[in-house]
Amino acid sequence: MWAVIKVDETLKFYNFQTEQYEVVSDIKFAHADELESINGISISFGGFTKTVLDHERSIKILLKHGFPLFMKKTDAREAAKAVNLTGYTYTQFEVSKIQL
């Protein structure tokens, strides 16, 4: 699953309902060097790499807060282009199953 994001000082997810990038404080991160193995999403900014922990929990949180997720990266790109976003990128969540 894919989400539209922006990375500056913090990781922000694009909310297509509010038309704004928003910080989702419930999503947990760790510095990559703090982990024995990295099985999350690595986000690099300002010389630091942070990793999203627990993809399945993160997806539930994003959906609960109304953030859209896309099955394919091309779908996320088309949605971003449709609202004329600039300065965005994508992140991928790996899940074994989705329970809605």
N, C-alpha and C. Protein backbone atom coordinates (compact mmCIF):
# COMPACT_ATOMS: atom_id res chain seq x y z
N MET A 1 0.85 -1.17 0.00
CA MET A 1 0.00 0.00 0.00
C MET A 1 0.90 1.23 0.00
N TRP A 2 0.43 2.27 -0.64
CA TRP A 2 1.22 3.48 -0.83
C TRP A 2 0.49 4.69 -0.24
N ALA A 3 1.27 5.64 0.27
CA ALA A 3 0.74 6.90 0.77
C ALA A 3 1.54 8.04 0.16
N VAL A 4 0.90 9.18 0.01
CA VAL A 4 1.56 10.39 -0.48
C VAL A 4 2.09 11.13 0.75
N ILE A 5 3.38 11.45 0.72
CA ILE A 5 4.01 12.07 1.87
C ILE A 5 4.86 13.26 1.45
N LYS A 6 5.28 14.00 2.47
CA LYS A 6 6.26 15.08 2.30
C LYS A 6 7.21 14.95 3.47
N VAL A 7 8.48 15.02 3.20
CA VAL A 7 9.49 14.92 4.25
C VAL A 7 10.28 16.21 4.28
N ASP A 8 10.15 16.95 5.37
CA ASP A 8 11.04 18.08 5.60
C ASP A 8 11.64 17.85 6.98
N GLU A 9 11.28 18.61 7.96
CA GLU A 9 11.78 18.32 9.30
C GLU A 9 11.06 17.14 9.93
N THR A 10 9.85 16.89 9.48
CA THR A 10 9.05 15.77 9.97
C THR A 10 8.42 15.05 8.79
N LEU A 11 7.92 13.88 9.05
CA LEU A 11 7.18 13.12 8.05
C LEU A 11 5.73 13.56 8.11
N LYS A 12 5.19 13.97 6.96
CA LYS A 12 3.79 14.39 6.89
C LYS A 12 3.10 13.59 5.79
N PHE A 13 1.86 13.20 6.07
CA PHE A 13 1.03 12.48 5.12
C PHE A 13 0.03 13.46 4.52
N TYR A 14 -0.23 13.30 3.21
CA TYR A 14 -1.19 14.20 2.57
C TYR A 14 -2.60 13.68 2.79
N ASN A 15 -3.44 14.57 3.32
CA ASN A 15 -4.84 14.25 3.55
C ASN A 15 -5.65 14.89 2.42
N PHE A 16 -6.18 14.09 1.54
CA PHE A 16 -6.91 14.60 0.38
C PHE A 16 -8.23 15.24 0.77
N GLN A 17 -8.76 14.95 1.95
CA GLN A 17 -10.01 15.58 2.42
C GLN A 17 -9.76 17.01 2.87
N THR A 18 -8.70 17.23 3.65
CA THR A 18 -8.40 18.58 4.15
C THR A 18 -7.49 19.35 3.20
N GLU A 19 -6.92 18.66 2.21
CA GLU A 19 -6.00 19.23 1.23
C GLU A 19 -4.75 19.81 1.90
N GLN A 20 -4.27 19.11 2.94
CA GLN A 20 -3.07 19.55 3.65
C GLN A 20 -2.20 18.37 4.00
N TYR A 21 -0.91 18.65 4.17
CA TYR A 21 0.00 17.65 4.74
C TYR A 21 -0.15 17.71 6.24
N GLU A 22 -0.21 16.55 6.88
CA GLU A 22 -0.42 16.50 8.31
C GLU A 22 0.51 15.49 8.97
N VAL A 23 0.97 15.84 10.16
CA VAL A 23 1.76 14.92 10.98
C VAL A 23 0.79 13.96 11.66
N VAL A 24 1.11 12.69 11.67
CA VAL A 24 0.29 11.68 12.35
C VAL A 24 1.12 11.19 13.53
N SER A 25 0.82 11.72 14.69
CA SER A 25 1.67 11.49 15.86
C SER A 25 1.63 10.05 16.38
N ASP A 26 0.60 9.29 16.03
CA ASP A 26 0.48 7.92 16.52
C ASP A 26 1.39 6.94 15.78
N ILE A 27 1.99 7.35 14.69
CA ILE A 27 2.88 6.46 13.95
C ILE A 27 4.26 6.52 14.59
N LYS A 28 4.78 5.36 14.94
CA LYS A 28 6.03 5.26 15.69
C LYS A 28 7.24 5.15 14.76
N PHE A 29 8.32 5.85 15.13
CA PHE A 29 9.56 5.84 14.39
C PHE A 29 10.70 5.45 15.31
N ALA A 30 11.78 5.01 14.72
CA ALA A 30 13.03 4.78 15.46
C ALA A 30 14.18 5.15 14.54
N HIS A 31 15.29 5.57 15.11
CA HIS A 31 16.48 5.79 14.31
C HIS A 31 16.96 4.44 13.79
N ALA A 32 17.38 4.39 12.55
CA ALA A 32 17.81 3.13 11.94
C ALA A 32 18.92 2.47 12.72
N ASP A 33 19.84 3.27 13.29
CA ASP A 33 20.95 2.67 14.02
C ASP A 33 20.54 2.11 15.38
N GLU A 34 19.31 2.36 15.80
CA GLU A 34 18.79 1.82 17.06
C GLU A 34 18.20 0.42 16.90
N LEU A 35 18.04 -0.01 15.66
CA LEU A 35 17.38 -1.27 15.38
C LEU A 35 18.38 -2.34 14.99
N GLU A 36 18.12 -3.56 15.45
CA GLU A 36 18.99 -4.67 15.05
C GLU A 36 18.80 -5.01 13.58
N SER A 37 17.56 -4.98 13.13
CA SER A 37 17.28 -5.19 11.72
C SER A 37 16.18 -4.22 11.31
N ILE A 38 16.24 -3.80 10.08
CA ILE A 38 15.26 -2.83 9.59
C ILE A 38 14.25 -3.55 8.71
N ASN A 39 13.00 -3.59 9.17
CA ASN A 39 11.94 -4.17 8.36
C ASN A 39 10.82 -3.16 8.17
N GLY A 40 11.14 -1.88 8.38
CA GLY A 40 10.16 -0.83 8.21
C GLY A 40 10.50 0.05 7.04
N ILE A 41 9.87 1.19 6.98
CA ILE A 41 10.08 2.14 5.91
C ILE A 41 11.14 3.12 6.37
N SER A 42 12.20 3.26 5.63
CA SER A 42 13.26 4.21 6.00
C SER A 42 12.98 5.56 5.37
N ILE A 43 13.04 6.60 6.19
CA ILE A 43 12.83 7.96 5.73
C ILE A 43 14.10 8.74 6.07
N SER A 44 14.79 9.28 5.08
CA SER A 44 16.02 10.03 5.32
C SER A 44 15.75 11.52 5.16
N PHE A 45 16.17 12.30 6.14
CA PHE A 45 16.12 13.74 6.04
C PHE A 45 17.09 14.33 7.03
N GLY A 46 17.70 15.45 6.67
CA GLY A 46 18.64 16.12 7.54
C GLY A 46 19.78 15.24 8.01
N GLY A 47 20.17 14.27 7.19
CA GLY A 47 21.28 13.41 7.56
C GLY A 47 20.90 12.28 8.50
N PHE A 48 19.64 12.17 8.87
CA PHE A 48 19.18 11.11 9.76
C PHE A 48 18.24 10.19 9.01
N THR A 49 18.24 8.94 9.39
CA THR A 49 17.29 7.99 8.81
C THR A 49 16.39 7.51 9.93
N LYS A 50 15.10 7.64 9.69
CA LYS A 50 14.14 7.11 10.65
C LYS A 50 13.36 6.00 9.96
N THR A 51 12.89 5.06 10.72
CA THR A 51 12.18 3.92 10.17
C THR A 51 10.80 3.83 10.80
N VAL A 52 9.78 3.69 9.95
CA VAL A 52 8.42 3.50 10.45
C VAL A 52 8.32 2.08 10.99
N LEU A 53 7.84 1.96 12.20
CA LEU A 53 7.68 0.66 12.83
C LEU A 53 6.24 0.20 12.70
N ASP A 54 6.05 -1.08 12.59
CA ASP A 54 4.72 -1.70 12.59
C ASP A 54 3.81 -1.16 11.48
N HIS A 55 4.04 -1.64 10.30
CA HIS A 55 3.30 -1.18 9.13
C HIS A 55 1.80 -1.39 9.26
N GLU A 56 1.39 -2.55 9.74
CA GLU A 56 -0.04 -2.84 9.81
C GLU A 56 -0.75 -1.88 10.77
N ARG A 57 -0.13 -1.60 11.90
CA ARG A 57 -0.71 -0.63 12.85
C ARG A 57 -0.76 0.76 12.21
N SER A 58 0.29 1.13 11.49
CA SER A 58 0.34 2.44 10.84
C SER A 58 -0.78 2.60 9.83
N ILE A 59 -1.04 1.54 9.07
CA ILE A 59 -2.13 1.59 8.08
C ILE A 59 -3.47 1.79 8.77
N LYS A 60 -3.71 1.07 9.84
CA LYS A 60 -4.97 1.24 10.58
C LYS A 60 -5.12 2.68 11.08
N ILE A 61 -4.04 3.25 11.59
CA ILE A 61 -4.08 4.63 12.09
C ILE A 61 -4.38 5.61 10.96
N LEU A 62 -3.69 5.45 9.83
CA LEU A 62 -3.92 6.35 8.70
C LEU A 62 -5.36 6.26 8.20
N LEU A 63 -5.87 5.05 8.05
CA LEU A 63 -7.25 4.89 7.58
C LEU A 63 -8.24 5.47 8.59
N LYS A 64 -7.98 5.27 9.87
CA LYS A 64 -8.86 5.79 10.93
C LYS A 64 -8.93 7.32 10.87
N HIS A 65 -7.80 7.96 10.54
CA HIS A 65 -7.75 9.41 10.48
C HIS A 65 -8.12 9.97 9.10
N GLY A 66 -8.57 9.11 8.18
CA GLY A 66 -9.07 9.57 6.89
C GLY A 66 -8.02 9.78 5.82
N PHE A 67 -6.81 9.25 6.01
CA PHE A 67 -5.79 9.36 4.97
C PHE A 67 -5.98 8.24 3.96
N PRO A 68 -6.01 8.57 2.67
CA PRO A 68 -6.16 7.51 1.68
C PRO A 68 -4.87 6.75 1.47
N LEU A 69 -5.00 5.47 1.21
CA LEU A 69 -3.88 4.62 0.85
C LEU A 69 -4.19 4.02 -0.51
N PHE A 70 -3.16 3.76 -1.27
CA PHE A 70 -3.33 3.31 -2.64
C PHE A 70 -2.66 1.96 -2.83
N MET A 71 -3.28 1.11 -3.62
CA MET A 71 -2.75 -0.22 -3.86
C MET A 71 -1.47 -0.17 -4.70
N LYS A 72 -1.40 0.80 -5.61
CA LYS A 72 -0.24 0.91 -6.50
C LYS A 72 0.34 2.32 -6.41
N LYS A 73 1.63 2.41 -6.61
CA LYS A 73 2.30 3.71 -6.61
C LYS A 73 1.74 4.62 -7.71
N THR A 74 1.41 4.03 -8.84
CA THR A 74 0.86 4.84 -9.94
C THR A 74 -0.48 5.47 -9.55
N ASP A 75 -1.27 4.77 -8.73
CA ASP A 75 -2.54 5.33 -8.25
C ASP A 75 -2.29 6.54 -7.35
N ALA A 76 -1.29 6.43 -6.48
CA ALA A 76 -0.93 7.54 -5.59
C ALA A 76 -0.45 8.73 -6.42
N ARG A 77 0.37 8.46 -7.44
CA ARG A 77 0.87 9.53 -8.31
C ARG A 77 -0.27 10.25 -9.02
N GLU A 78 -1.20 9.49 -9.57
CA GLU A 78 -2.33 10.10 -10.28
C GLU A 78 -3.19 10.95 -9.35
N ALA A 79 -3.41 10.48 -8.13
CA ALA A 79 -4.20 11.25 -7.16
C ALA A 79 -3.49 12.55 -6.80
N ALA A 80 -2.17 12.50 -6.62
CA ALA A 80 -1.40 13.70 -6.30
C ALA A 80 -1.41 14.69 -7.47
N LYS A 81 -1.25 14.18 -8.67
CA LYS A 81 -1.26 15.04 -9.85
C LYS A 81 -2.63 15.68 -10.06
N ALA A 82 -3.70 14.95 -9.72
CA ALA A 82 -5.06 15.45 -9.92
C ALA A 82 -5.35 16.69 -9.07
N VAL A 83 -4.66 16.81 -7.92
CA VAL A 83 -4.87 17.99 -7.07
C VAL A 83 -3.68 18.95 -7.13
N ASN A 84 -2.84 18.78 -8.15
CA ASN A 84 -1.71 19.68 -8.41
C ASN A 84 -0.73 19.80 -7.24
N LEU A 85 -0.43 18.68 -6.57
CA LEU A 85 0.54 18.70 -5.48
C LEU A 85 1.94 18.92 -6.03
N THR A 86 2.76 19.58 -5.24
CA THR A 86 4.18 19.72 -5.56
C THR A 86 4.98 19.35 -4.31
N GLY A 87 6.21 18.97 -4.50
CA GLY A 87 7.08 18.66 -3.38
C GLY A 87 6.72 17.39 -2.62
N TYR A 88 6.03 16.48 -3.26
CA TYR A 88 5.61 15.26 -2.59
C TYR A 88 6.46 14.07 -3.01
N THR A 89 6.35 13.01 -2.26
CA THR A 89 6.95 11.73 -2.61
C THR A 89 6.00 10.65 -2.09
N TYR A 90 6.45 9.43 -2.08
CA TYR A 90 5.59 8.32 -1.68
C TYR A 90 6.31 7.45 -0.66
N THR A 91 5.53 6.72 0.09
CA THR A 91 6.10 5.70 0.94
C THR A 91 5.24 4.46 0.82
N GLN A 92 5.87 3.32 0.96
CA GLN A 92 5.16 2.05 0.80
C GLN A 92 5.08 1.34 2.14
N PHE A 93 3.90 0.81 2.41
CA PHE A 93 3.68 0.00 3.59
C PHE A 93 3.54 -1.46 3.15
N GLU A 94 4.23 -2.33 3.82
CA GLU A 94 4.14 -3.77 3.54
C GLU A 94 3.21 -4.38 4.59
N VAL A 95 2.19 -5.07 4.13
CA VAL A 95 1.26 -5.70 5.06
C VAL A 95 0.99 -7.11 4.63
N SER A 96 0.70 -7.97 5.60
CA SER A 96 0.38 -9.36 5.29
C SER A 96 -1.11 -9.51 5.03
N LYS A 97 -1.91 -8.70 5.69
CA LYS A 97 -3.36 -8.70 5.45
C LYS A 97 -3.93 -7.39 5.94
N ILE A 98 -5.06 -7.02 5.42
CA ILE A 98 -5.71 -5.79 5.83
C ILE A 98 -7.08 -6.13 6.38
N GLN A 99 -7.35 -5.64 7.56
CA GLN A 99 -8.66 -5.84 8.16
C GLN A 99 -9.31 -4.46 8.30
N LEU A 100 -10.36 -4.25 7.56
CA LEU A 100 -11.08 -2.97 7.61
C LEU A 100 -12.29 -3.08 8.49
